[in-house]
Protein backbone atom coordinates (compact mmCIF):
# COMPACT_ATOMS: atom_id res chain seq x y z
CA MET A 1 -10.94 0.82 -11.64
CA ARG A 2 -8.88 3.32 -13.61
CA PRO A 3 -6.62 6.24 -12.69
CA VAL A 4 -7.91 9.78 -12.88
CA LEU A 5 -4.36 11.13 -13.17
CA ASP A 6 -1.65 9.87 -15.49
CA HIS A 7 2.03 10.56 -16.01
CA PRO A 8 4.92 9.09 -18.02
CA TRP A 9 6.56 5.95 -16.59
CA ASN A 10 9.63 5.90 -18.81
CA LEU A 11 11.67 8.10 -16.49
CA SER A 12 15.19 8.21 -15.14
CA PRO A 13 15.60 7.89 -11.36
CA ALA A 14 16.27 11.63 -11.13
CA GLU A 15 13.10 12.40 -13.10
CA ALA A 16 11.13 9.99 -10.91
CA ILE A 17 12.32 11.75 -7.74
CA ALA A 18 11.32 15.12 -9.19
CA LEU A 19 7.87 13.73 -10.00
CA GLN A 20 7.48 12.38 -6.45
CA LEU A 21 8.30 15.80 -5.02
CA ASP A 22 5.64 17.35 -7.25
CA LEU A 23 2.89 14.75 -6.75
CA ARG A 24 3.30 14.56 -2.98
CA LYS A 25 1.62 17.99 -2.80
CA ARG A 26 -1.61 16.23 -3.78
CA VAL A 27 -1.60 13.75 -0.89
CA ASP A 28 -4.63 14.25 1.37
CA CYS A 29 -4.17 13.09 4.97
CA THR A 30 -7.75 13.76 6.09
CA ASP A 31 -10.84 11.60 6.32
CA HIS A 32 -13.50 11.77 3.65
CA PRO A 33 -17.02 10.31 3.80
CA LEU A 34 -16.51 6.58 3.49
CA ARG A 35 -18.94 3.68 3.40
CA LEU A 36 -16.85 0.55 3.80
CA GLY A 37 -18.28 -2.38 1.92
CA HIS A 38 -15.21 -3.73 0.13
CA VAL A 39 -11.49 -3.57 0.93
CA ALA A 40 -8.68 -4.49 -1.43
CA GLY A 41 -5.08 -5.56 -1.07
CA ILE A 42 -2.25 -5.34 -3.57
CA ASP A 43 1.09 -7.07 -3.73
CA VAL A 44 3.72 -7.52 -6.42
CA GLY A 45 6.03 -10.39 -7.29
CA PHE A 46 8.54 -10.93 -10.06
CA GLU A 47 9.08 -13.71 -12.56
CA ASP A 48 11.76 -14.63 -15.09
CA GLY A 49 14.57 -13.43 -12.87
CA GLY A 50 12.88 -10.07 -12.35
CA ARG A 51 12.16 -9.38 -16.01
CA THR A 52 8.39 -9.73 -15.53
CA THR A 53 6.35 -7.89 -12.91
CA ARG A 54 3.37 -9.82 -11.57
CA ALA A 55 0.80 -7.66 -9.74
CA ALA A 56 -2.06 -9.17 -7.76
CA VAL A 57 -5.14 -7.49 -6.33
CA VAL A 58 -7.82 -9.11 -4.18
CA VAL A 59 -11.12 -7.60 -3.09
CA LEU A 60 -12.77 -8.79 0.13
CA ASP A 61 -16.10 -7.85 1.61
CA TYR A 62 -16.04 -5.81 4.81
CA PRO A 63 -16.22 -6.56 7.66
CA GLY A 64 -16.56 -10.27 6.83
CA LEU A 65 -13.30 -10.39 4.80
CA ARG A 66 -14.63 -12.99 2.36
CA LEU A 67 -13.08 -13.10 -1.11
CA VAL A 68 -15.18 -11.27 -3.70
CA GLU A 69 -12.83 -10.87 -6.65
CA GLN A 70 -9.20 -11.13 -7.64
CA ALA A 71 -7.06 -10.18 -10.63
CA VAL A 72 -3.49 -10.61 -11.82
CA ALA A 73 -1.53 -8.64 -14.41
CA ARG A 74 1.91 -9.27 -15.84
CA ARG A 75 4.06 -6.64 -17.51
CA PRO A 76 7.72 -6.36 -18.49
CA THR A 77 9.79 -4.82 -15.69
CA ASP A 78 11.00 -1.54 -17.16
CA PHE A 79 12.27 0.39 -14.13
CA PRO A 80 15.41 -0.58 -12.16
CA TYR A 81 15.35 -1.52 -8.48
CA VAL A 82 15.99 1.77 -6.65
CA PRO A 83 15.09 2.08 -2.95
CA GLY A 84 12.46 4.79 -2.50
CA LEU A 85 11.31 4.49 -6.13
CA LEU A 86 9.63 1.08 -6.05
CA SER A 87 6.29 2.50 -7.15
CA PHE A 88 7.77 3.29 -10.56
CA ARG A 89 8.81 -0.35 -10.88
CA GLU A 90 5.57 -1.88 -9.59
CA LEU A 91 2.60 0.41 -10.25
CA PRO A 92 2.24 -0.04 -14.02
CA ALA A 93 1.34 -3.70 -13.44
CA VAL A 94 -0.79 -2.84 -10.39
CA LEU A 95 -2.82 -0.33 -12.38
CA GLU A 96 -3.38 -2.90 -15.12
CA ALA A 97 -4.61 -5.44 -12.56
CA LEU A 98 -7.01 -2.88 -11.10
CA THR A 99 -8.60 -2.27 -14.50
CA ARG A 100 -9.68 -5.92 -14.51
CA LEU A 101 -11.84 -5.55 -11.41
CA THR A 102 -15.62 -5.32 -11.69
CA VAL A 103 -16.02 -4.39 -8.01
CA VAL A 104 -14.56 -1.03 -7.00
CA PRO A 105 -13.02 -1.26 -3.50
CA ASP A 106 -13.64 1.49 -0.98
CA VAL A 107 -10.11 1.33 0.48
CA ILE A 108 -6.91 -0.25 -0.87
CA LEU A 109 -4.23 -1.61 1.48
CA CYS A 110 -0.81 -1.69 -0.14
CA ASP A 111 2.16 -3.87 0.75
CA GLY A 112 4.53 -0.95 1.22
CA GLN A 113 4.70 2.58 2.52
CA GLY A 114 2.43 5.58 2.23
CA ILE A 115 3.87 8.84 3.59
CA ALA A 116 6.35 6.87 5.75
CA HIS A 117 8.85 7.50 2.98
CA PRO A 118 11.87 9.82 2.68
CA ARG A 119 9.93 12.06 0.28
CA ARG A 120 6.52 11.28 1.87
CA PHE A 121 5.37 9.54 -1.31
CA GLY A 122 5.58 5.77 -1.13
CA ILE A 123 3.63 3.34 -3.29
CA ALA A 124 0.38 3.68 -1.31
CA SER A 125 0.40 7.47 -1.67
CA HIS A 126 1.38 7.25 -5.34
CA LEU A 127 -1.45 4.83 -6.08
CA GLY A 128 -3.97 6.83 -4.05
CA VAL A 129 -3.16 10.07 -5.85
CA LEU A 130 -3.39 8.45 -9.29
CA LEU A 131 -6.75 6.83 -8.45
CA ASP A 132 -8.01 9.66 -6.21
CA ALA A 133 -8.98 6.88 -3.80
CA PRO A 134 -8.37 6.05 -0.12
CA THR A 135 -5.20 4.00 0.34
CA ILE A 136 -3.14 2.77 3.29
CA GLY A 137 0.50 1.70 3.40
CA VAL A 138 1.29 -1.41 5.43
CA GLY A 139 5.02 -2.13 5.42
CA LYS A 140 6.69 -5.19 6.86
CA THR A 141 9.89 -3.24 7.45
CA ARG A 142 10.81 0.38 8.19
CA LEU A 143 11.92 2.57 5.32
CA CYS A 144 12.66 5.69 7.36
CA GLY A 145 11.99 7.28 10.73
CA ARG A 146 12.52 6.34 14.37
CA HIS A 147 10.21 4.77 16.93
CA GLU A 148 9.93 3.14 20.31
CA GLU A 149 8.81 -0.47 20.60
CA PRO A 150 5.01 -0.69 20.96
CA GLY A 151 3.34 -2.73 23.69
CA ASN A 152 3.10 -6.46 23.20
CA GLU A 153 -0.69 -6.70 22.98
CA LYS A 154 -2.69 -6.58 19.74
CA GLY A 155 -3.60 -3.01 18.87
CA ALA A 156 -0.65 -1.43 20.68
CA TRP A 157 1.21 1.15 18.63
CA ALA A 158 4.00 3.68 18.80
CA PRO A 159 4.46 6.76 16.60
CA LEU A 160 6.91 6.58 13.72
CA GLN A 161 8.66 9.94 13.51
CA ASP A 162 11.04 11.53 11.05
CA GLY A 163 12.39 15.07 11.31
CA GLY A 164 9.98 15.89 14.11
CA GLU A 165 6.99 14.77 12.04
CA ILE A 166 4.75 11.77 12.76
CA ILE A 167 4.73 9.85 9.48
CA GLY A 168 2.96 6.69 10.64
CA VAL A 169 2.75 4.17 13.44
CA VAL A 170 4.39 0.92 14.38
CA LEU A 171 1.35 -1.30 14.99
CA ARG A 172 1.14 -4.63 16.78
CA THR A 173 -1.43 -6.62 14.81
CA ARG A 174 -0.94 -9.83 16.78
CA ALA A 175 0.30 -10.30 20.33
CA GLY A 176 3.90 -11.44 20.54
CA VAL A 177 4.51 -10.97 16.80
CA LYS A 178 6.64 -8.36 15.04
CA PRO A 179 4.69 -5.16 14.35
CA VAL A 180 3.94 -3.64 10.94
CA TYR A 181 4.47 -0.07 9.74
CA VAL A 182 1.19 1.69 8.95
CA SER A 183 1.00 5.06 7.23
CA ILE A 184 -1.51 7.18 5.38
CA GLY A 185 -1.60 6.65 1.65
CA HIS A 186 -4.29 9.09 0.57
CA LYS A 187 -7.71 10.44 1.66
CA LEU A 188 -7.64 8.93 5.17
CA SER A 189 -6.45 10.02 8.60
CA LEU A 190 -3.89 7.99 10.50
CA THR A 191 -6.53 7.10 13.10
CA SER A 192 -8.76 5.64 10.39
CA ALA A 193 -5.83 3.79 8.82
CA ILE A 194 -5.03 2.09 12.14
CA ARG A 195 -8.68 1.14 12.68
CA ILE A 196 -9.07 -0.35 9.20
CA VAL A 197 -5.79 -2.27 9.34
CA LEU A 198 -6.73 -3.83 12.68
CA ALA A 199 -10.20 -4.73 11.40
CA CYS A 200 -8.59 -6.46 8.40
CA THR A 201 -6.16 -8.43 10.58
CA PRO A 202 -8.23 -11.00 12.52
CA ARG A 203 -5.61 -13.76 12.83
CA TYR A 204 -2.25 -13.15 11.23
CA ARG A 205 0.43 -10.46 11.27
CA LEU A 206 -0.59 -8.99 7.91
CA PRO A 207 -4.04 -7.75 6.94
CA GLU A 208 -6.05 -10.44 5.19
CA THR A 209 -6.21 -8.29 2.07
CA ILE A 210 -2.43 -8.12 1.71
CA ARG A 211 -1.92 -11.72 2.85
CA GLN A 212 -4.18 -13.04 0.11
CA ALA A 213 -2.70 -10.68 -2.48
CA HIS A 214 0.79 -11.86 -1.56
CA ARG A 215 -0.21 -15.48 -2.02
CA LEU A 216 -1.70 -14.67 -5.43
CA ALA A 217 1.32 -12.62 -6.49
CA SER A 218 3.68 -15.44 -5.49
CA GLN A 219 1.97 -18.24 -7.41
CA THR A 220 4.03 -19.72 -10.19
CA ASN A 221 1.20 -20.73 -12.54
């Protein structure tokens, strides 16, 4: 799986922000014809005191959620830690891991934000635009916006709003457990993103795709 759009990665934070503002115009928040057979999850860890980025991707069948394929890529960490610009730090390794897949996923769930981002261009949107593929952001914490607390039952959600705009939802994926922050990445509606995230979350707080990717990204061997 390779990107259809490329851009330089050796940028200053100011240049990265300018690129986000330009690329966010390409984000598509509508549904496209989709035949779900495989779903993927990505997560990123760091080694050597942060000097090495370790990206993990897992592909599961859908709706069974059985492991089909996984890949890991390591690259030197070239971009500093800047809130709101994490995709520039993490995506080079993620894109390399994706090139190692033989199965092309139909949807990618990212550990991070989609349009629930100050500039509406988090890592899930960035990845989706580069791949021209459906992506969903699933964040463990809020990056921006305000919301009410959703109901306590699985599937309950509340809108996440910023500046009068709904940028995602706060979704309860397991009764009595902290919710997650779901937002459109690219080429999906918010309704479809919620449905897919819930279908990928049979037992735990996080979707199985991201949970398995996190475990792979965190391994020390």
